[in-house]
Amino acid sequence: MDGKTVESVISLIDHETGGFVEGFSLNCCSPHAFDRVISLFGDKNLSKRLIGFYPNSWNADPSTYETEAASEEPRKIDSLKSIAKKGRQYDLKFVGGCCGFGYHDIKLLAGLFAKK
């Protein structure tokens, strides 16, 4: 929120802790936002420090939030499939859910993520 990139924050924390932190997770962001974060990394090896992803249940491109399209959330199963796909695409150790996720959603997501 202060204008720093995720890459610079990871780098700073790694520097300050001597690499003590095992990895980092992004919380409450859409799969589209996760893609954008990854695309902004100058050091692609540093992007491997991202090991987890806890998005909210909304899977729309953020540019649609203020439009009529925002009135209809995609089907939950489509969102869960997209989250599992991102987890595999970026070789994450875990995925989960933030706002809008319940027990059954997480159980379904765990099954989808485990499928290769």
N, C-alpha and C. Protein backbone atom coordinates (compact mmCIF):
# COMPACT_ATOMS: atom_id res chain seq x y z
N MET A 1 0.81 -1.19 0.00
CA MET A 1 0.00 0.00 0.00
C MET A 1 0.86 1.26 0.00
N ASP A 2 2.13 1.09 0.29
CA ASP A 2 3.00 2.27 0.29
C ASP A 2 3.76 2.41 -1.02
N GLY A 3 3.37 1.62 -2.03
CA GLY A 3 3.99 1.73 -3.34
C GLY A 3 5.12 0.76 -3.60
N LYS A 4 5.50 0.00 -2.58
CA LYS A 4 6.56 -0.99 -2.77
C LYS A 4 6.02 -2.17 -3.58
N THR A 5 6.89 -2.78 -4.35
CA THR A 5 6.49 -3.99 -5.06
C THR A 5 6.63 -5.18 -4.13
N VAL A 6 5.93 -6.25 -4.45
CA VAL A 6 6.04 -7.48 -3.67
C VAL A 6 7.49 -7.96 -3.72
N GLU A 7 8.11 -7.87 -4.89
CA GLU A 7 9.50 -8.28 -5.04
C GLU A 7 10.42 -7.52 -4.09
N SER A 8 10.25 -6.21 -4.00
CA SER A 8 11.14 -5.42 -3.14
C SER A 8 10.90 -5.73 -1.66
N VAL A 9 9.66 -6.02 -1.29
CA VAL A 9 9.36 -6.35 0.10
C VAL A 9 9.98 -7.70 0.46
N ILE A 10 9.85 -8.69 -0.43
CA ILE A 10 10.47 -10.00 -0.19
C ILE A 10 11.97 -9.84 -0.05
N SER A 11 12.56 -9.09 -0.93
CA SER A 11 14.00 -8.87 -0.90
C SER A 11 14.43 -8.21 0.41
N LEU A 12 13.68 -7.21 0.84
CA LEU A 12 13.99 -6.51 2.09
C LEU A 12 13.87 -7.44 3.30
N ILE A 13 12.79 -8.19 3.36
CA ILE A 13 12.60 -9.11 4.48
C ILE A 13 13.69 -10.17 4.49
N ASP A 14 14.02 -10.71 3.32
CA ASP A 14 15.10 -11.70 3.24
C ASP A 14 16.42 -11.10 3.72
N HIS A 15 16.68 -9.87 3.33
CA HIS A 15 17.92 -9.21 3.74
C HIS A 15 17.96 -9.00 5.26
N GLU A 16 16.85 -8.52 5.80
CA GLU A 16 16.78 -8.20 7.24
C GLU A 16 16.79 -9.45 8.12
N THR A 17 16.30 -10.57 7.59
CA THR A 17 16.21 -11.79 8.40
C THR A 17 17.26 -12.83 8.03
N GLY A 18 18.13 -12.49 7.11
CA GLY A 18 19.13 -13.46 6.67
C GLY A 18 18.52 -14.67 5.99
N GLY A 19 17.37 -14.46 5.34
CA GLY A 19 16.70 -15.56 4.64
C GLY A 19 16.00 -16.53 5.57
N PHE A 20 15.72 -16.11 6.79
CA PHE A 20 15.08 -16.97 7.79
C PHE A 20 13.68 -17.41 7.37
N VAL A 21 12.94 -16.52 6.71
CA VAL A 21 11.56 -16.81 6.32
C VAL A 21 11.57 -17.84 5.19
N GLU A 22 10.81 -18.92 5.39
CA GLU A 22 10.80 -20.02 4.41
C GLU A 22 10.21 -19.59 3.07
N GLY A 23 9.17 -18.78 3.11
CA GLY A 23 8.53 -18.34 1.88
C GLY A 23 7.41 -17.36 2.20
N PHE A 24 6.78 -16.88 1.16
CA PHE A 24 5.77 -15.85 1.30
C PHE A 24 4.48 -16.26 0.60
N SER A 25 3.37 -15.75 1.09
CA SER A 25 2.07 -16.04 0.53
C SER A 25 1.33 -14.73 0.27
N LEU A 26 0.58 -14.70 -0.80
CA LEU A 26 -0.27 -13.54 -1.08
C LEU A 26 -1.69 -13.87 -0.63
N ASN A 27 -2.30 -12.96 0.10
CA ASN A 27 -3.62 -13.16 0.66
C ASN A 27 -4.61 -12.16 0.07
N CYS A 28 -5.83 -12.61 -0.14
CA CYS A 28 -6.95 -11.76 -0.53
C CYS A 28 -6.71 -11.00 -1.84
N CYS A 29 -6.27 -11.72 -2.84
CA CYS A 29 -6.11 -11.13 -4.16
C CYS A 29 -6.62 -12.11 -5.20
N SER A 30 -7.04 -11.60 -6.33
CA SER A 30 -7.56 -12.49 -7.37
C SER A 30 -6.42 -13.18 -8.10
N PRO A 31 -6.71 -14.27 -8.80
CA PRO A 31 -5.69 -14.90 -9.63
C PRO A 31 -5.09 -13.92 -10.65
N HIS A 32 -5.88 -12.97 -11.13
CA HIS A 32 -5.37 -11.96 -12.06
C HIS A 32 -4.32 -11.09 -11.38
N ALA A 33 -4.57 -10.73 -10.12
CA ALA A 33 -3.60 -9.92 -9.39
C ALA A 33 -2.32 -10.71 -9.14
N PHE A 34 -2.46 -12.01 -8.87
CA PHE A 34 -1.28 -12.85 -8.66
C PHE A 34 -0.42 -12.87 -9.92
N ASP A 35 -1.06 -13.04 -11.07
CA ASP A 35 -0.33 -13.01 -12.34
C ASP A 35 0.41 -11.70 -12.52
N ARG A 36 -0.23 -10.60 -12.17
CA ARG A 36 0.40 -9.28 -12.33
C ARG A 36 1.62 -9.15 -11.41
N VAL A 37 1.49 -9.61 -10.19
CA VAL A 37 2.62 -9.55 -9.26
C VAL A 37 3.80 -10.32 -9.84
N ILE A 38 3.56 -11.53 -10.31
CA ILE A 38 4.63 -12.35 -10.89
C ILE A 38 5.26 -11.66 -12.09
N SER A 39 4.43 -11.06 -12.93
CA SER A 39 4.95 -10.42 -14.15
C SER A 39 5.83 -9.21 -13.85
N LEU A 40 5.67 -8.60 -12.67
CA LEU A 40 6.45 -7.42 -12.32
C LEU A 40 7.80 -7.75 -11.69
N PHE A 41 8.05 -9.02 -11.39
CA PHE A 41 9.33 -9.40 -10.79
C PHE A 41 10.43 -9.22 -11.83
N GLY A 42 11.46 -8.48 -11.48
CA GLY A 42 12.63 -8.35 -12.34
C GLY A 42 13.52 -9.57 -12.22
N ASP A 43 13.62 -10.09 -11.00
CA ASP A 43 14.41 -11.28 -10.71
C ASP A 43 13.44 -12.46 -10.61
N LYS A 44 13.29 -13.20 -11.70
CA LYS A 44 12.32 -14.29 -11.73
C LYS A 44 12.64 -15.37 -10.69
N ASN A 45 13.91 -15.52 -10.31
CA ASN A 45 14.25 -16.47 -9.26
C ASN A 45 13.66 -16.05 -7.92
N LEU A 46 13.59 -14.75 -7.69
CA LEU A 46 13.02 -14.26 -6.44
C LEU A 46 11.52 -14.54 -6.38
N SER A 47 10.86 -14.64 -7.51
CA SER A 47 9.43 -14.96 -7.52
C SER A 47 9.18 -16.36 -6.96
N LYS A 48 10.20 -17.21 -6.95
CA LYS A 48 10.07 -18.56 -6.38
C LYS A 48 9.94 -18.51 -4.86
N ARG A 49 10.16 -17.34 -4.26
CA ARG A 49 9.96 -17.18 -2.81
C ARG A 49 8.47 -17.15 -2.46
N LEU A 50 7.61 -16.97 -3.49
CA LEU A 50 6.17 -17.05 -3.26
C LEU A 50 5.80 -18.53 -3.24
N ILE A 51 5.32 -19.00 -2.09
CA ILE A 51 5.01 -20.42 -1.94
C ILE A 51 3.53 -20.68 -1.69
N GLY A 52 2.74 -19.62 -1.50
CA GLY A 52 1.33 -19.81 -1.21
C GLY A 52 0.46 -18.70 -1.77
N PHE A 53 -0.83 -18.99 -1.83
CA PHE A 53 -1.79 -18.10 -2.46
C PHE A 53 -3.14 -18.30 -1.79
N TYR A 54 -3.66 -17.26 -1.17
CA TYR A 54 -4.97 -17.29 -0.53
C TYR A 54 -5.86 -16.21 -1.15
N PRO A 55 -6.40 -16.45 -2.32
CA PRO A 55 -7.23 -15.42 -2.96
C PRO A 55 -8.62 -15.34 -2.34
N ASN A 56 -9.28 -14.22 -2.65
CA ASN A 56 -10.70 -14.15 -2.30
C ASN A 56 -11.48 -14.96 -3.33
N SER A 57 -12.76 -15.07 -3.15
CA SER A 57 -13.55 -15.94 -4.02
C SER A 57 -13.88 -15.32 -5.37
N TRP A 58 -13.60 -14.06 -5.52
CA TRP A 58 -13.92 -13.38 -6.78
C TRP A 58 -12.78 -13.56 -7.75
N ASN A 59 -13.07 -14.12 -8.93
CA ASN A 59 -12.04 -14.44 -9.89
C ASN A 59 -12.08 -13.54 -11.12
N ALA A 60 -12.73 -12.42 -11.03
CA ALA A 60 -12.82 -11.53 -12.19
C ALA A 60 -11.55 -10.70 -12.33
N ASP A 61 -11.31 -10.26 -13.52
CA ASP A 61 -10.23 -9.30 -13.76
C ASP A 61 -10.59 -8.05 -12.95
N PRO A 62 -9.66 -7.53 -12.14
CA PRO A 62 -9.99 -6.38 -11.28
C PRO A 62 -10.56 -5.18 -12.03
N SER A 63 -10.29 -5.06 -13.31
CA SER A 63 -10.83 -3.92 -14.05
C SER A 63 -12.34 -4.01 -14.19
N THR A 64 -12.92 -5.16 -13.88
CA THR A 64 -14.38 -5.28 -13.99
C THR A 64 -15.09 -4.98 -12.67
N TYR A 65 -14.38 -4.74 -11.59
CA TYR A 65 -15.02 -4.55 -10.30
C TYR A 65 -16.03 -3.42 -10.29
N GLU A 66 -15.76 -2.38 -11.04
CA GLU A 66 -16.65 -1.22 -11.04
C GLU A 66 -17.64 -1.24 -12.21
N THR A 67 -17.86 -2.38 -12.80
CA THR A 67 -18.76 -2.47 -13.95
C THR A 67 -19.94 -3.38 -13.63
N GLU A 68 -20.83 -3.48 -14.58
CA GLU A 68 -21.99 -4.35 -14.43
C GLU A 68 -21.57 -5.81 -14.23
N ALA A 69 -20.45 -6.19 -14.81
CA ALA A 69 -19.97 -7.57 -14.69
C ALA A 69 -19.68 -7.94 -13.24
N ALA A 70 -19.44 -6.96 -12.39
CA ALA A 70 -19.13 -7.23 -11.00
C ALA A 70 -20.34 -7.73 -10.22
N SER A 71 -21.54 -7.58 -10.78
CA SER A 71 -22.74 -8.00 -10.07
C SER A 71 -22.92 -9.52 -10.07
N GLU A 72 -22.18 -10.23 -10.90
CA GLU A 72 -22.30 -11.69 -10.94
C GLU A 72 -20.93 -12.34 -10.74
N GLU A 73 -20.80 -13.04 -9.63
CA GLU A 73 -19.55 -13.76 -9.37
C GLU A 73 -19.55 -15.01 -10.25
N PRO A 74 -18.38 -15.36 -10.80
CA PRO A 74 -18.31 -16.60 -11.57
C PRO A 74 -18.72 -17.78 -10.70
N ARG A 75 -19.11 -18.84 -11.33
CA ARG A 75 -19.47 -20.02 -10.55
C ARG A 75 -18.31 -20.38 -9.64
N LYS A 76 -18.62 -20.77 -8.43
CA LYS A 76 -17.59 -21.07 -7.43
C LYS A 76 -16.62 -22.14 -7.93
N ILE A 77 -17.12 -23.19 -8.56
CA ILE A 77 -16.24 -24.26 -9.03
C ILE A 77 -15.24 -23.73 -10.05
N ASP A 78 -15.65 -22.78 -10.89
CA ASP A 78 -14.72 -22.19 -11.86
C ASP A 78 -13.62 -21.41 -11.15
N SER A 79 -13.98 -20.69 -10.10
CA SER A 79 -12.98 -19.96 -9.31
C SER A 79 -12.01 -20.93 -8.66
N LEU A 80 -12.54 -22.01 -8.09
CA LEU A 80 -11.68 -22.98 -7.41
C LEU A 80 -10.73 -23.66 -8.40
N LYS A 81 -11.24 -23.99 -9.58
CA LYS A 81 -10.38 -24.59 -10.61
C LYS A 81 -9.27 -23.62 -11.02
N SER A 82 -9.61 -22.35 -11.16
CA SER A 82 -8.62 -21.34 -11.54
C SER A 82 -7.54 -21.19 -10.46
N ILE A 83 -7.94 -21.20 -9.21
CA ILE A 83 -6.99 -21.08 -8.10
C ILE A 83 -6.05 -22.29 -8.07
N ALA A 84 -6.61 -23.48 -8.22
CA ALA A 84 -5.79 -24.70 -8.24
C ALA A 84 -4.82 -24.66 -9.42
N LYS A 85 -5.29 -24.19 -10.56
CA LYS A 85 -4.44 -24.10 -11.75
C LYS A 85 -3.27 -23.14 -11.50
N LYS A 86 -3.55 -21.99 -10.89
CA LYS A 86 -2.48 -21.03 -10.58
C LYS A 86 -1.46 -21.66 -9.63
N GLY A 87 -1.96 -22.41 -8.65
CA GLY A 87 -1.06 -23.07 -7.71
C GLY A 87 -0.10 -24.01 -8.40
N ARG A 88 -0.62 -24.77 -9.34
CA ARG A 88 0.24 -25.70 -10.09
C ARG A 88 1.14 -24.94 -11.06
N GLN A 89 0.59 -23.93 -11.73
CA GLN A 89 1.35 -23.14 -12.72
C GLN A 89 2.59 -22.51 -12.09
N TYR A 90 2.45 -22.01 -10.87
CA TYR A 90 3.56 -21.33 -10.21
C TYR A 90 4.27 -22.22 -9.19
N ASP A 91 3.94 -23.51 -9.20
CA ASP A 91 4.60 -24.49 -8.34
C ASP A 91 4.54 -24.08 -6.86
N LEU A 92 3.35 -23.66 -6.42
CA LEU A 92 3.17 -23.24 -5.04
C LEU A 92 3.05 -24.46 -4.14
N LYS A 93 3.41 -24.30 -2.89
CA LYS A 93 3.31 -25.39 -1.92
C LYS A 93 1.89 -25.52 -1.38
N PHE A 94 1.15 -24.41 -1.35
CA PHE A 94 -0.22 -24.46 -0.84
C PHE A 94 -1.07 -23.35 -1.45
N VAL A 95 -2.37 -23.61 -1.49
CA VAL A 95 -3.36 -22.61 -1.88
C VAL A 95 -4.48 -22.69 -0.84
N GLY A 96 -5.23 -21.64 -0.74
CA GLY A 96 -6.33 -21.61 0.20
C GLY A 96 -7.33 -20.58 -0.24
N GLY A 97 -8.06 -20.05 0.70
CA GLY A 97 -9.07 -19.07 0.36
C GLY A 97 -9.25 -18.05 1.45
N CYS A 98 -9.66 -16.89 1.05
CA CYS A 98 -9.88 -15.77 1.97
C CYS A 98 -11.39 -15.51 2.00
N CYS A 99 -11.78 -14.28 1.80
CA CYS A 99 -13.17 -13.86 1.85
C CYS A 99 -14.04 -14.72 0.92
N GLY A 100 -15.16 -15.19 1.43
CA GLY A 100 -16.09 -15.94 0.61
C GLY A 100 -15.84 -17.44 0.58
N PHE A 101 -14.88 -17.94 1.34
CA PHE A 101 -14.57 -19.37 1.36
C PHE A 101 -15.09 -20.00 2.64
N GLY A 102 -15.66 -21.17 2.49
CA GLY A 102 -16.10 -21.96 3.63
C GLY A 102 -15.40 -23.31 3.63
N TYR A 103 -15.74 -24.12 4.60
CA TYR A 103 -15.13 -25.44 4.77
C TYR A 103 -15.23 -26.26 3.49
N HIS A 104 -16.42 -26.33 2.90
CA HIS A 104 -16.62 -27.15 1.70
C HIS A 104 -15.81 -26.62 0.52
N ASP A 105 -15.66 -25.31 0.42
CA ASP A 105 -14.85 -24.73 -0.66
C ASP A 105 -13.39 -25.15 -0.52
N ILE A 106 -12.87 -25.09 0.69
CA ILE A 106 -11.47 -25.44 0.93
C ILE A 106 -11.25 -26.93 0.67
N LYS A 107 -12.19 -27.75 1.08
CA LYS A 107 -12.09 -29.20 0.84
C LYS A 107 -12.07 -29.48 -0.66
N LEU A 108 -12.95 -28.83 -1.39
CA LEU A 108 -12.99 -29.01 -2.85
C LEU A 108 -11.70 -28.50 -3.49
N LEU A 109 -11.22 -27.35 -3.03
CA LEU A 109 -9.99 -26.76 -3.56
C LEU A 109 -8.80 -27.69 -3.31
N ALA A 110 -8.74 -28.28 -2.13
CA ALA A 110 -7.63 -29.20 -1.83
C ALA A 110 -7.63 -30.38 -2.79
N GLY A 111 -8.79 -30.89 -3.11
CA GLY A 111 -8.88 -31.98 -4.07
C GLY A 111 -8.48 -31.56 -5.47
N LEU A 112 -8.89 -30.38 -5.87
CA LEU A 112 -8.53 -29.87 -7.20
C LEU A 112 -7.03 -29.60 -7.31
N PHE A 113 -6.46 -29.04 -6.24
CA PHE A 113 -5.03 -28.71 -6.25
C PHE A 113 -4.17 -29.97 -6.26
N ALA A 114 -4.64 -31.02 -5.61
CA ALA A 114 -3.88 -32.27 -5.55
C ALA A 114 -3.85 -32.98 -6.89
N LYS A 115 -4.85 -32.75 -7.74
CA LYS A 115 -4.90 -33.39 -9.06
C LYS A 115 -3.85 -32.79 -9.97
N LYS A 116 -3.11 -33.61 -10.62
CA LYS A 116 -2.08 -33.13 -11.56
C LYS A 116 -2.56 -33.35 -12.97
